[in-house]
Amino acid sequence: NPNLSRRSIPNTSRTKNPKLHTIPPRCLAPEYGRPLPFPPPSIQESIQEDLAEEALCPGGGAVPGLGTWLRALGLQRYHEGLVRNGWDDLDFLSDITEEDLEEAGVLEPSHKRILLESLQLPK
């Protein structure tokens, strides 16, 4: 019987108390409704520091030593790919893998070997 099922489900549009389905104010955090800064101040500061650092290094913020190192090896053509993939600091290049080099565009096996062997030399 269709009338029976209609009676068993309460119709909220006919409810006399409109506040029945609202959250009581005591359940909301005090800062609710206040706009939040985005990104948070700590991240904003970090971004500003990074931008200031990059402004000191011409050439897209890469550490100048990367280009010098690649030129010394005759492999400066890989500079842009390495920087684009986040390998812009010689201090971290010791962690680079063959797969990382491939993602940066170093596909020639002899070039990968030269780069990896060069990174293994004592500084």
PDB file of N, CA and C in Angstrom:
ATOM      1  N   ASN A   1       0.847  -1.177   0.000  1.00  0.00           N
ATOM      2  CA  ASN A   1       0.000   0.000   0.000  1.00  0.00           C
ATOM      3  C   ASN A   1       0.896   1.245   0.000  1.00  0.00           C
ATOM      4  N   PRO A   2       0.855   2.101  -1.027  1.00  0.00           N
ATOM      5  CA  PRO A   2       1.718   3.281  -1.110  1.00  0.00           C
ATOM      6  C   PRO A   2       1.457   4.292  -0.013  1.00  0.00           C
ATOM      7  N   ASN A   3       0.249   4.410   0.461  1.00  0.00           N
ATOM      8  CA  ASN A   3      -0.053   5.376   1.519  1.00  0.00           C
ATOM      9  C   ASN A   3       0.602   4.986   2.829  1.00  0.00           C
ATOM     10  N   LEU A   4       0.723   3.712   3.059  1.00  0.00           N
ATOM     11  CA  LEU A   4       1.315   3.238   4.297  1.00  0.00           C
ATOM     12  C   LEU A   4       2.790   3.608   4.378  1.00  0.00           C
ATOM     13  N   SER A   5       3.545   3.405   3.274  1.00  0.00           N
ATOM     14  CA  SER A   5       4.971   3.710   3.313  1.00  0.00           C
ATOM     15  C   SER A   5       5.202   5.213   3.444  1.00  0.00           C
ATOM     16  N   ARG A   6       4.303   6.013   2.915  1.00  0.00           N
ATOM     17  CA  ARG A   6       4.446   7.453   3.030  1.00  0.00           C
ATOM     18  C   ARG A   6       4.317   7.909   4.482  1.00  0.00           C
ATOM     19  N   ARG A   7       3.468   7.263   5.211  1.00  0.00           N
ATOM     20  CA  ARG A   7       3.254   7.638   6.616  1.00  0.00           C
ATOM     21  C   ARG A   7       4.429   7.232   7.505  1.00  0.00           C
ATOM     22  N   SER A   8       5.131   6.160   7.139  1.00  0.00           N
ATOM     23  CA  SER A   8       6.189   5.679   8.021  1.00  0.00           C
ATOM     24  C   SER A   8       7.487   6.486   7.885  1.00  0.00           C
ATOM     25  N   ILE A   9       7.646   7.266   6.805  1.00  0.00           N
ATOM     26  CA  ILE A   9       8.847   8.071   6.620  1.00  0.00           C
ATOM     27  C   ILE A   9       8.508   9.511   6.958  1.00  0.00           C
ATOM     28  N   PRO A  10       9.177  10.088   7.971  1.00  0.00           N
ATOM     29  CA  PRO A  10       8.854  11.472   8.343  1.00  0.00           C
ATOM     30  C   PRO A  10       9.250  12.428   7.224  1.00  0.00           C
ATOM     31  N   ASN A  11       8.414  13.381   6.957  1.00  0.00           N
ATOM     32  CA  ASN A  11       8.672  14.378   5.937  1.00  0.00           C
ATOM     33  C   ASN A  11       9.220  15.616   6.635  1.00  0.00           C
ATOM     34  N   THR A  12      10.509  15.881   6.437  1.00  0.00           N
ATOM     35  CA  THR A  12      11.152  16.992   7.145  1.00  0.00           C
ATOM     36  C   THR A  12      10.684  18.342   6.635  1.00  0.00           C
ATOM     37  N   SER A  13      10.149  18.392   5.412  1.00  0.00           N
ATOM     38  CA  SER A  13       9.679  19.684   4.900  1.00  0.00           C
ATOM     39  C   SER A  13       8.430  20.159   5.661  1.00  0.00           C
ATOM     40  N   ARG A  14       7.736  19.235   6.313  1.00  0.00           N
ATOM     41  CA  ARG A  14       6.545  19.611   7.078  1.00  0.00           C
ATOM     42  C   ARG A  14       6.827  19.726   8.569  1.00  0.00           C
ATOM     43  N   THR A  15       8.091  19.606   8.950  1.00  0.00           N
ATOM     44  CA  THR A  15       8.433  19.673  10.366  1.00  0.00           C
ATOM     45  C   THR A  15       8.197  21.088  10.871  1.00  0.00           C
ATOM     46  N   LYS A  16       7.613  21.196  12.043  1.00  0.00           N
ATOM     47  CA  LYS A  16       7.281  22.503  12.598  1.00  0.00           C
ATOM     48  C   LYS A  16       8.512  23.211  13.158  1.00  0.00           C
ATOM     49  N   ASN A  17       9.562  22.476  13.543  1.00  0.00           N
ATOM     50  CA  ASN A  17      10.760  23.085  14.117  1.00  0.00           C
ATOM     51  C   ASN A  17      11.867  23.130  13.053  1.00  0.00           C
ATOM     52  N   PRO A  18      12.114  24.288  12.440  1.00  0.00           N
ATOM     53  CA  PRO A  18      13.118  24.359  11.371  1.00  0.00           C
ATOM     54  C   PRO A  18      14.547  24.144  11.883  1.00  0.00           C
ATOM     55  N   LYS A  19      14.808  24.312  13.177  1.00  0.00           N
ATOM     56  CA  LYS A  19      16.145  24.138  13.730  1.00  0.00           C
ATOM     57  C   LYS A  19      16.458  22.686  14.057  1.00  0.00           C
ATOM     58  N   LEU A  20      15.541  21.807  13.771  1.00  0.00           N
ATOM     59  CA  LEU A  20      15.704  20.403  14.084  1.00  0.00           C
ATOM     60  C   LEU A  20      16.949  19.807  13.441  1.00  0.00           C
ATOM     61  N   HIS A  21      17.313  20.247  12.237  1.00  0.00           N
ATOM     62  CA  HIS A  21      18.409  19.648  11.494  1.00  0.00           C
ATOM     63  C   HIS A  21      19.660  20.523  11.448  1.00  0.00           C
ATOM     64  N   THR A  22      19.777  21.496  12.298  1.00  0.00           N
ATOM     65  CA  THR A  22      20.978  22.332  12.324  1.00  0.00           C
ATOM     66  C   THR A  22      21.866  21.920  13.478  1.00  0.00           C
ATOM     67  N   ILE A  23      23.141  22.207  13.344  1.00  0.00           N
ATOM     68  CA  ILE A  23      24.102  21.871  14.401  1.00  0.00           C
ATOM     69  C   ILE A  23      24.037  22.964  15.460  1.00  0.00           C
ATOM     70  N   PRO A  24      23.922  22.582  16.704  1.00  0.00           N
ATOM     71  CA  PRO A  24      23.892  23.603  17.757  1.00  0.00           C
ATOM     72  C   PRO A  24      25.214  24.367  17.786  1.00  0.00           C
ATOM     73  N   PRO A  25      25.178  25.658  18.023  1.00  0.00           N
ATOM     74  CA  PRO A  25      26.397  26.475  18.022  1.00  0.00           C
ATOM     75  C   PRO A  25      27.479  25.961  18.971  1.00  0.00           C
ATOM     76  N   ARG A  26      27.126  25.347  20.066  1.00  0.00           N
ATOM     77  CA  ARG A  26      28.128  24.887  21.029  1.00  0.00           C
ATOM     78  C   ARG A  26      29.027  23.781  20.461  1.00  0.00           C
ATOM     79  N   CYS A  27      28.603  23.141  19.351  1.00  0.00           N
ATOM     80  CA  CYS A  27      29.392  22.074  18.752  1.00  0.00           C
ATOM     81  C   CYS A  27      30.430  22.597  17.759  1.00  0.00           C
ATOM     82  N   LEU A  28      30.347  23.853  17.373  1.00  0.00           N
ATOM     83  CA  LEU A  28      31.262  24.405  16.392  1.00  0.00           C
ATOM     84  C   LEU A  28      32.480  25.013  17.090  1.00  0.00           C
ATOM     85  N   ALA A  29      33.625  24.861  16.461  1.00  0.00           N
ATOM     86  CA  ALA A  29      34.842  25.461  17.004  1.00  0.00           C
ATOM     87  C   ALA A  29      34.688  26.981  16.965  1.00  0.00           C
ATOM     88  N   PRO A  30      35.334  27.696  17.917  1.00  0.00           N
ATOM     89  CA  PRO A  30      35.179  29.158  17.969  1.00  0.00           C
ATOM     90  C   PRO A  30      35.627  29.846  16.673  1.00  0.00           C
ATOM     91  N   GLU A  31      36.627  29.273  15.995  1.00  0.00           N
ATOM     92  CA  GLU A  31      37.118  29.908  14.772  1.00  0.00           C
ATOM     93  C   GLU A  31      36.288  29.561  13.540  1.00  0.00           C
ATOM     94  N   TYR A  32      35.220  28.781  13.734  1.00  0.00           N
ATOM     95  CA  TYR A  32      34.375  28.391  12.606  1.00  0.00           C
ATOM     96  C   TYR A  32      33.790  29.633  11.953  1.00  0.00           C
ATOM     97  N   GLY A  33      33.886  29.670  10.644  1.00  0.00           N
ATOM     98  CA  GLY A  33      33.337  30.800   9.913  1.00  0.00           C
ATOM     99  C   GLY A  33      34.347  31.897   9.658  1.00  0.00           C
ATOM    100  N   ARG A  34      35.474  31.864  10.365  1.00  0.00           N
ATOM    101  CA  ARG A  34      36.518  32.847  10.139  1.00  0.00           C
ATOM    102  C   ARG A  34      37.362  32.394   8.947  1.00  0.00           C
ATOM    103  N   PRO A  35      37.692  33.283   8.007  1.00  0.00           N
ATOM    104  CA  PRO A  35      38.500  32.853   6.863  1.00  0.00           C
ATOM    105  C   PRO A  35      39.903  32.452   7.306  1.00  0.00           C
ATOM    106  N   LEU A  36      40.398  31.372   6.730  1.00  0.00           N
ATOM    107  CA  LEU A  36      41.742  30.902   7.042  1.00  0.00           C
ATOM    108  C   LEU A  36      42.702  31.397   5.976  1.00  0.00           C
ATOM    109  N   PRO A  37      43.904  31.834   6.384  1.00  0.00           N
ATOM    110  CA  PRO A  37      44.880  32.252   5.377  1.00  0.00           C
ATOM    111  C   PRO A  37      45.382  31.037   4.606  1.00  0.00           C
ATOM    112  N   PHE A  38      45.552  31.197   3.302  1.00  0.00           N
ATOM    113  CA  PHE A  38      46.075  30.091   2.510  1.00  0.00           C
ATOM    114  C   PHE A  38      47.139  30.628   1.588  1.00  0.00           C
ATOM    115  N   PRO A  39      48.279  30.022   1.550  1.00  0.00           N
ATOM    116  CA  PRO A  39      48.717  28.949   2.428  1.00  0.00           C
ATOM    117  C   PRO A  39      48.980  29.472   3.836  1.00  0.00           C
ATOM    118  N   PRO A  40      49.113  28.556   4.802  1.00  0.00           N
ATOM    119  CA  PRO A  40      49.371  28.971   6.180  1.00  0.00           C
ATOM    120  C   PRO A  40      50.625  29.844   6.270  1.00  0.00           C
ATOM    121  N   PRO A  41      50.714  30.707   7.291  1.00  0.00           N
ATOM    122  CA  PRO A  41      51.853  31.625   7.415  1.00  0.00           C
ATOM    123  C   PRO A  41      53.218  30.939   7.353  1.00  0.00           C
ATOM    124  N   SER A  42      53.379  29.768   7.955  1.00  0.00           N
ATOM    125  CA  SER A  42      54.677  29.097   7.932  1.00  0.00           C
ATOM    126  C   SER A  42      55.090  28.723   6.508  1.00  0.00           C
ATOM    127  N   ILE A  43      54.121  28.308   5.697  1.00  0.00           N
ATOM    128  CA  ILE A  43      54.422  27.956   4.311  1.00  0.00           C
ATOM    129  C   ILE A  43      54.668  29.224   3.501  1.00  0.00           C
ATOM    130  N   GLN A  44      53.921  30.295   3.784  1.00  0.00           N
ATOM    131  CA  GLN A  44      54.150  31.565   3.103  1.00  0.00           C
ATOM    132  C   GLN A  44      55.584  32.035   3.337  1.00  0.00           C
ATOM    133  N   GLU A  45      56.061  31.915   4.590  1.00  0.00           N
ATOM    134  CA  GLU A  45      57.432  32.318   4.910  1.00  0.00           C
ATOM    135  C   GLU A  45      58.440  31.472   4.145  1.00  0.00           C
ATOM    136  N   SER A  46      58.201  30.168   4.075  1.00  0.00           N
ATOM    137  CA  SER A  46      59.104  29.277   3.364  1.00  0.00           C
ATOM    138  C   SER A  46      59.162  29.629   1.881  1.00  0.00           C
ATOM    139  N   ILE A  47      58.012  29.943   1.302  1.00  0.00           N
ATOM    140  CA  ILE A  47      57.957  30.326  -0.105  1.00  0.00           C
ATOM    141  C   ILE A  47      58.756  31.606  -0.323  1.00  0.00           C
ATOM    142  N   GLN A  48      58.590  32.579   0.570  1.00  0.00           N
ATOM    143  CA  GLN A  48      59.311  33.843   0.436  1.00  0.00           C
ATOM    144  C   GLN A  48      60.822  33.623   0.530  1.00  0.00           C
ATOM    145  N   GLU A  49      61.251  32.739   1.434  1.00  0.00           N
ATOM    146  CA  GLU A  49      62.679  32.430   1.564  1.00  0.00           C
ATOM    147  C   GLU A  49      63.199  31.782   0.282  1.00  0.00           C
ATOM    148  N   ASP A  50      62.440  30.842  -0.275  1.00  0.00           N
ATOM    149  CA  ASP A  50      62.855  30.173  -1.518  1.00  0.00           C
ATOM    150  C   ASP A  50      62.952  31.160  -2.668  1.00  0.00           C
ATOM    151  N   LEU A  51      61.974  32.060  -2.768  1.00  0.00           N
ATOM    152  CA  LEU A  51      61.995  33.049  -3.844  1.00  0.00           C
ATOM    153  C   LEU A  51      63.198  33.977  -3.713  1.00  0.00           C
ATOM    154  N   ALA A  52      63.519  34.369  -2.486  1.00  0.00           N
ATOM    155  CA  ALA A  52      64.680  35.239  -2.261  1.00  0.00           C
ATOM    156  C   ALA A  52      65.968  34.518  -2.651  1.00  0.00           C
ATOM    157  N   GLU A  53      66.058  33.233  -2.302  1.00  0.00           N
ATOM    158  CA  GLU A  53      67.232  32.423  -2.648  1.00  0.00           C
ATOM    159  C   GLU A  53      67.376  32.293  -4.161  1.00  0.00           C
ATOM    160  N   GLU A  54      66.268  32.030  -4.836  1.00  0.00           N
ATOM    161  CA  GLU A  54      66.295  31.863  -6.283  1.00  0.00           C
ATOM    162  C   GLU A  54      66.662  33.157  -6.991  1.00  0.00           C
ATOM    163  N   ALA A  55      66.285  34.295  -6.413  1.00  0.00           N
ATOM    164  CA  ALA A  55      66.612  35.579  -7.022  1.00  0.00           C
ATOM    165  C   ALA A  55      68.120  35.810  -7.028  1.00  0.00           C
ATOM    166  N   LEU A  56      68.827  35.212  -6.066  1.00  0.00           N
ATOM    167  CA  LEU A  56      70.281  35.364  -5.987  1.00  0.00           C
ATOM    168  C   LEU A  56      71.008  34.507  -7.008  1.00  0.00           C
ATOM    169  N   CYS A  57      70.355  33.472  -7.529  1.00  0.00           N
ATOM    170  CA  CYS A  57      70.977  32.541  -8.469  1.00  0.00           C
ATOM    171  C   CYS A  57      70.347  32.697  -9.848  1.00  0.00           C
ATOM    172  N   PRO A  58      71.022  33.381 -10.766  1.00  0.00           N
ATOM    173  CA  PRO A  58      70.449  33.492 -12.103  1.00  0.00           C
ATOM    174  C   PRO A  58      70.373  32.116 -12.762  1.00  0.00           C
ATOM    175  N   GLY A  59      69.471  31.983 -13.722  1.00  0.00           N
ATOM    176  CA  GLY A  59      69.355  30.701 -14.423  1.00  0.00           C
ATOM    177  C   GLY A  59      68.319  29.803 -13.811  1.00  0.00           C
ATOM    178  N   GLY A  60      67.244  30.360 -13.262  1.00  0.00           N
ATOM    179  CA  GLY A  60      66.143  29.538 -12.787  1.00  0.00           C
ATOM    180  C   GLY A  60      66.307  29.019 -11.383  1.00  0.00           C
ATOM    181  N   GLY A  61      67.204  29.584 -10.592  1.00  0.00           N
ATOM    182  CA  GLY A  61      67.333  29.181  -9.206  1.00  0.00           C
ATOM    183  C   GLY A  61      68.231  27.985  -8.993  1.00  0.00           C
ATOM    184  N   ALA A  62      68.810  27.453 -10.050  1.00  0.00           N
ATOM    185  CA  ALA A  62      69.692  26.305  -9.892  1.00  0.00           C
ATOM    186  C   ALA A  62      71.011  26.742  -9.273  1.00  0.00           C
ATOM    187  N   VAL A  63      71.590  25.883  -8.495  1.00  0.00           N
ATOM    188  CA  VAL A  63      72.896  26.163  -7.911  1.00  0.00           C
ATOM    189  C   VAL A  63      73.903  26.240  -9.051  1.00  0.00           C
ATOM    190  N   PRO A  64      74.719  27.314  -9.127  1.00  0.00           N
ATOM    191  CA  PRO A  64      75.641  27.466 -10.245  1.00  0.00           C
ATOM    192  C   PRO A  64      76.582  26.278 -10.429  1.00  0.00           C
ATOM    193  N   GLY A  65      76.902  25.553  -9.367  1.00  0.00           N
ATOM    194  CA  GLY A  65      77.827  24.433  -9.450  1.00  0.00           C
ATOM    195  C   GLY A  65      77.347  23.315 -10.361  1.00  0.00           C
ATOM    196  N   LEU A  66      76.062  23.148 -10.525  1.00  0.00           N
ATOM    197  CA  LEU A  66      75.525  22.080 -11.364  1.00  0.00           C
ATOM    198  C   LEU A  66      75.943  22.292 -12.814  1.00  0.00           C
ATOM    199  N   GLY A  67      75.741  23.500 -13.322  1.00  0.00           N
ATOM    200  CA  GLY A  67      76.114  23.802 -14.696  1.00  0.00           C
ATOM    201  C   GLY A  67      77.613  23.653 -14.921  1.00  0.00           C
ATOM    202  N   THR A  68      78.407  24.103 -13.967  1.00  0.00           N
ATOM    203  CA  THR A  68      79.866  23.997 -14.068  1.00  0.00           C
ATOM    204  C   THR A  68      80.288  22.538 -14.120  1.00  0.00           C
ATOM    205  N   TRP A  69      79.695  21.729 -13.254  1.00  0.00           N
ATOM    206  CA  TRP A  69      80.013  20.298 -13.195  1.00  0.00           C
ATOM    207  C   TRP A  69      79.653  19.615 -14.506  1.00  0.00           C
ATOM    208  N   LEU A  70      78.451  19.905 -15.016  1.00  0.00           N
ATOM    209  CA  LEU A  70      78.024  19.290 -16.277  1.00  0.00           C
ATOM    210  C   LEU A  70      78.905  19.732 -17.451  1.00  0.00           C
ATOM    211  N   ARG A  71      79.282  21.030 -17.470  1.00  0.00           N
ATOM    212  CA  ARG A  71      80.165  21.510 -18.540  1.00  0.00           C
ATOM    213  C   ARG A  71      81.516  20.813 -18.487  1.00  0.00           C
ATOM    214  N   ALA A  72      82.036  20.609 -17.283  1.00  0.00           N
ATOM    215  CA  ALA A  72      83.334  19.941 -17.129  1.00  0.00           C
ATOM    216  C   ALA A  72      83.282  18.508 -17.669  1.00  0.00           C
ATOM    217  N   LEU A  73      82.101  17.894 -17.602  1.00  0.00           N
ATOM    218  CA  LEU A  73      81.929  16.535 -18.117  1.00  0.00           C
ATOM    219  C   LEU A  73      81.516  16.527 -19.585  1.00  0.00           C
ATOM    220  N   GLY A  74      81.250  17.714 -20.138  1.00  0.00           N
ATOM    221  CA  GLY A  74      80.782  17.810 -21.522  1.00  0.00           C
ATOM    222  C   GLY A  74      79.331  17.391 -21.679  1.00  0.00           C
ATOM    223  N   LEU A  75      78.574  17.452 -20.601  1.00  0.00           N
ATOM    224  CA  LEU A  75      77.183  16.989 -20.620  1.00  0.00           C
ATOM    225  C   LEU A  75      76.205  18.097 -20.209  1.00  0.00           C
ATOM    226  N   GLN A  76      76.548  19.340 -20.537  1.00  0.00           N
ATOM    227  CA  GLN A  76      75.706  20.474 -20.149  1.00  0.00           C
ATOM    228  C   GLN A  76      74.310  20.413 -20.766  1.00  0.00           C
ATOM    229  N   ARG A  77      74.124  19.607 -21.802  1.00  0.00           N
ATOM    230  CA  ARG A  77      72.799  19.496 -22.435  1.00  0.00           C
ATOM    231  C   ARG A  77      71.754  18.931 -21.469  1.00  0.00           C
ATOM    232  N   TYR A  78      72.189  18.303 -20.386  1.00  0.00           N
ATOM    233  CA  TYR A  78      71.247  17.701 -19.433  1.00  0.00           C
ATOM    234  C   TYR A  78      70.871  18.628 -18.278  1.00  0.00           C
ATOM    235  N   HIS A  79      71.443  19.824 -18.276  1.00  0.00           N
ATOM    236  CA  HIS A  79      71.205  20.766 -17.172  1.00  0.00           C
ATOM    237  C   HIS A  79      69.715  21.042 -16.978  1.00  0.00           C
ATOM    238  N   GLU A  80      69.027  21.433 -18.048  1.00  0.00           N
ATOM    239  CA  GLU A  80      67.610  21.802 -17.940  1.00  0.00           C
ATOM    240  C   GLU A  80      66.759  20.628 -17.444  1.00  0.00           C
ATOM    241  N   GLY A  81      66.995  19.439 -17.964  1.00  0.00           N
ATOM    242  CA  GLY A  81      66.227  18.267 -17.544  1.00  0.00           C
ATOM    243  C   GLY A  81      66.445  17.920 -16.085  1.00  0.00           C
ATOM    244  N   LEU A  82      67.692  18.031 -15.629  1.00  0.00           N
ATOM    245  CA  LEU A  82      67.979  17.745 -14.221  1.00  0.00           C
ATOM    246  C   LEU A  82      67.295  18.763 -13.315  1.00  0.00           C
ATOM    247  N   VAL A  83      67.399  20.039 -13.674  1.00  0.00           N
ATOM    248  CA  VAL A  83      66.773  21.088 -12.861  1.00  0.00           C
ATOM    249  C   VAL A  83      65.258  20.906 -12.846  1.00  0.00           C
ATOM    250  N   ARG A  84      64.659  20.628 -14.001  1.00  0.00           N
ATOM    251  CA  ARG A  84      63.208  20.448 -14.095  1.00  0.00           C
ATOM    252  C   ARG A  84      62.734  19.284 -13.226  1.00  0.00           C
ATOM    253  N   ASN A  85      63.588  18.293 -13.020  1.00  0.00           N
ATOM    254  CA  ASN A  85      63.225  17.129 -12.207  1.00  0.00           C
ATOM    255  C   ASN A  85      63.687  17.251 -10.759  1.00  0.00           C
ATOM    256  N   GLY A  86      64.126  18.442 -10.362  1.00  0.00           N
ATOM    257  CA  GLY A  86      64.463  18.696  -8.962  1.00  0.00           C
ATOM    258  C   GLY A  86      65.897  18.394  -8.577  1.00  0.00           C
ATOM    259  N   TRP A  87      66.739  18.058  -9.525  1.00  0.00           N
ATOM    260  CA  TRP A  87      68.141  17.739  -9.225  1.00  0.00           C
ATOM    261  C   TRP A  87      69.004  18.967  -9.509  1.00  0.00           C
ATOM    262  N   ASP A  88      68.771  20.035  -8.753  1.00  0.00           N
ATOM    263  CA  ASP A  88      69.476  21.284  -8.995  1.00  0.00           C
ATOM    264  C   ASP A  88      70.552  21.577  -7.953  1.00  0.00           C
ATOM    265  N   ASP A  89      70.782  20.654  -7.054  1.00  0.00           N
ATOM    266  CA  ASP A  89      71.760  20.865  -5.987  1.00  0.00           C
ATOM    267  C   ASP A  89      72.770  19.728  -5.992  1.00  0.00           C
ATOM    268  N   LEU A  90      74.036  20.088  -6.194  1.00  0.00           N
ATOM    269  CA  LEU A  90      75.086  19.055  -6.246  1.00  0.00           C
ATOM    270  C   LEU A  90      75.155  18.220  -4.969  1.00  0.00           C
ATOM    271  N   ASP A  91      74.793  18.802  -3.840  1.00  0.00           N
ATOM    272  CA  ASP A  91      74.836  18.060  -2.571  1.00  0.00           C
ATOM    273  C   ASP A  91      73.880  16.870  -2.572  1.00  0.00           C
ATOM    274  N   PHE A  92      72.793  16.952  -3.336  1.00  0.00           N
ATOM    275  CA  PHE A  92      71.798  15.873  -3.358  1.00  0.00           C
ATOM    276  C   PHE A  92      71.968  14.929  -4.541  1.00  0.00           C
ATOM    277  N   LEU A  93      72.789  15.319  -5.500  1.00  0.00           N
ATOM    278  CA  LEU A  93      72.960  14.476  -6.683  1.00  0.00           C
ATOM    279  C   LEU A  93      73.591  13.128  -6.358  1.00  0.00           C
ATOM    280  N   SER A  94      74.255  13.015  -5.235  1.00  0.00           N
ATOM    281  CA  SER A  94      74.856  11.722  -4.879  1.00  0.00           C
ATOM    282  C   SER A  94      73.784  10.657  -4.662  1.00  0.00           C
ATOM    283  N   ASP A  95      72.527  11.083  -4.470  1.00  0.00           N
ATOM    284  CA  ASP A  95      71.418  10.143  -4.265  1.00  0.00           C
ATOM    285  C   ASP A  95      70.718   9.769  -5.569  1.00  0.00           C
ATOM    286  N   ILE A  96      71.136  10.354  -6.691  1.00  0.00           N
ATOM    287  CA  ILE A  96      70.424  10.133  -7.951  1.00  0.00           C
ATOM    288  C   ILE A  96      70.636   8.702  -8.445  1.00  0.00           C
ATOM    289  N   THR A  97      69.611   8.149  -9.059  1.00  0.00           N
ATOM    290  CA  THR A  97      69.682   6.783  -9.592  1.00  0.00           C
ATOM    291  C   THR A  97      69.646   6.834 -11.115  1.00  0.00           C
ATOM    292  N   GLU A  98      69.894   5.680 -11.715  1.00  0.00           N
ATOM    293  CA  GLU A  98      69.835   5.587 -13.167  1.00  0.00           C
ATOM    294  C   GLU A  98      68.432   5.944 -13.670  1.00  0.00           C
ATOM    295  N   GLU A  99      67.412   5.520 -12.932  1.00  0.00           N
ATOM    296  CA  GLU A  99      66.030   5.828 -13.308  1.00  0.00           C
ATOM    297  C   GLU A  99      65.773   7.327 -13.237  1.00  0.00           C
ATOM    298  N   ASP A 100      66.334   7.989 -12.209  1.00  0.00           N
ATOM    299  CA  ASP A 100      66.184   9.442 -12.083  1.00  0.00           C
ATOM    300  C   ASP A 100      66.814  10.145 -13.279  1.00  0.00           C
ATOM    301  N   LEU A 101      67.982   9.673 -13.681  1.00  0.00           N
ATOM    302  CA  LEU A 101      68.662  10.265 -14.835  1.00  0.00           C
ATOM    303  C   LEU A 101      67.814  10.109 -16.095  1.00  0.00           C
ATOM    304  N   GLU A 102      67.212   8.938 -16.270  1.00  0.00           N
ATOM    305  CA  GLU A 102      66.358   8.707 -17.443  1.00  0.00           C
ATOM    306  C   GLU A 102      65.163   9.658 -17.446  1.00  0.00           C
ATOM    307  N   GLU A 103      64.557   9.858 -16.275  1.00  0.00           N
ATOM    308  CA  GLU A 103      63.421  10.782 -16.175  1.00  0.00           C
ATOM    309  C   GLU A 103      63.845  12.201 -16.503  1.00  0.00           C
ATOM    310  N   ALA A 104      65.115  12.540 -16.238  1.00  0.00           N
ATOM    311  CA  ALA A 104      65.642  13.879 -16.529  1.00  0.00           C
ATOM    312  C   ALA A 104      66.106  13.997 -17.976  1.00  0.00           C
ATOM    313  N   GLY A 105      65.982  12.915 -18.759  1.00  0.00           N
ATOM    314  CA  GLY A 105      66.320  12.971 -20.167  1.00  0.00           C
ATOM    315  C   GLY A 105      67.685  12.405 -20.530  1.00  0.00           C
ATOM    316  N   VAL A 106      68.383  11.828 -19.559  1.00  0.00           N
ATOM    317  CA  VAL A 106      69.681  11.210 -19.841  1.00  0.00           C
ATOM    318  C   VAL A 106      69.417   9.758 -20.227  1.00  0.00           C
ATOM    319  N   LEU A 107      69.354   9.520 -21.529  1.00  0.00           N
ATOM    320  CA  LEU A 107      69.002   8.182 -22.012  1.00  0.00           C
ATOM    321  C   LEU A 107      70.211   7.410 -22.523  1.00  0.00           C
ATOM    322  N   GLU A 108      71.242   8.113 -22.913  1.00  0.00           N
ATOM    323  CA  GLU A 108      72.460   7.480 -23.443  1.00  0.00           C
ATOM    324  C   GLU A 108      73.183   6.736 -22.313  1.00  0.00           C
ATOM    325  N   PRO A 109      73.357   5.394 -22.419  1.00  0.00           N
ATOM    326  CA  PRO A 109      73.990   4.621 -21.346  1.00  0.00           C
ATOM    327  C   PRO A 109      75.382   5.140 -20.953  1.00  0.00           C
ATOM    328  N   SER A 110      76.178   5.557 -21.930  1.00  0.00           N
ATOM    329  CA  SER A 110      77.527   6.042 -21.591  1.00  0.00           C
ATOM    330  C   SER A 110      77.457   7.353 -20.813  1.00  0.00           C
ATOM    331  N   HIS A 111      76.467   8.201 -21.097  1.00  0.00           N
ATOM    332  CA  HIS A 111      76.320   9.458 -20.371  1.00  0.00           C
ATOM    333  C   HIS A 111      75.861   9.200 -18.935  1.00  0.00           C
ATOM    334  N   LYS A 112      74.946   8.244 -18.765  1.00  0.00           N
ATOM    335  CA  LYS A 112      74.514   7.885 -17.406  1.00  0.00           C
ATOM    336  C   LYS A 112      75.707   7.378 -16.605  1.00  0.00           C
ATOM    337  N   ARG A 113      76.527   6.530 -17.246  1.00  0.00           N
ATOM    338  CA  ARG A 113      77.696   5.971 -16.559  1.00  0.00           C
ATOM    339  C   ARG A 113      78.670   7.089 -16.154  1.00  0.00           C
ATOM    340  N   ILE A 114      78.943   8.025 -17.070  1.00  0.00           N
ATOM    341  CA  ILE A 114      79.854   9.135 -16.765  1.00  0.00           C
ATOM    342  C   ILE A 114      79.339   9.933 -15.568  1.00  0.00           C
ATOM    343  N   LEU A 115      78.058  10.270 -15.585  1.00  0.00           N
ATOM    344  CA  LEU A 115      77.481  11.056 -14.491  1.00  0.00           C
ATOM    345  C   LEU A 115      77.543  10.300 -13.163  1.00  0.00           C
ATOM    346  N   LEU A 116      77.127   9.042 -13.180  1.00  0.00           N
ATOM    347  CA  LEU A 116      77.104   8.262 -11.941  1.00  0.00           C
ATOM    348  C   LEU A 116      78.508   8.029 -11.397  1.00  0.00           C
ATOM    349  N   GLU A 117      79.464   7.746 -12.277  1.00  0.00           N
ATOM    350  CA  GLU A 117      80.855   7.526 -11.835  1.00  0.00           C
ATOM    351  C   GLU A 117      81.432   8.821 -11.290  1.00  0.00           C
ATOM    352  N   SER A 118      81.132   9.937 -11.913  1.00  0.00           N
ATOM    353  CA  SER A 118      81.640  11.223 -11.449  1.00  0.00           C
ATOM    354  C   SER A 118      81.140  11.550 -10.055  1.00  0.00           C
ATOM    355  N   LEU A 119      79.930  11.152  -9.777  1.00  0.00           N
ATOM    356  CA  LEU A 119      79.350  11.420  -8.446  1.00  0.00           C
ATOM    357  C   LEU A 119      79.962  10.530  -7.371  1.00  0.00           C
ATOM    358  N   GLN A 120      80.562   9.417  -7.770  1.00  0.00           N
ATOM    359  CA  GLN A 120      81.169   8.508  -6.794  1.00  0.00           C
ATOM    360  C   GLN A 120      82.582   8.954  -6.397  1.00  0.00           C
ATOM    361  N   LEU A 121      83.186   9.856  -7.186  1.00  0.00           N
ATOM    362  CA  LEU A 121      84.549  10.314  -6.889  1.00  0.00           C
ATOM    363  C   LEU A 121      84.563  11.138  -5.615  1.00  0.00           C
ATOM    364  N   PRO A 122      85.647  11.014  -4.816  1.00  0.00           N
ATOM    365  CA  PRO A 122      85.734  11.850  -3.607  1.00  0.00           C
ATOM    366  C   PRO A 122      85.812  13.327  -4.000  1.00  0.00           C
ATOM    367  N   LYS A 123      85.177  14.146  -3.214  1.00  0.00           N
ATOM    368  CA  LYS A 123      85.140  15.576  -3.525  1.00  0.00           C
ATOM    369  C   LYS A 123      86.305  16.304  -2.905  1.00  0.00           C
TER     370      LYS A 123
END
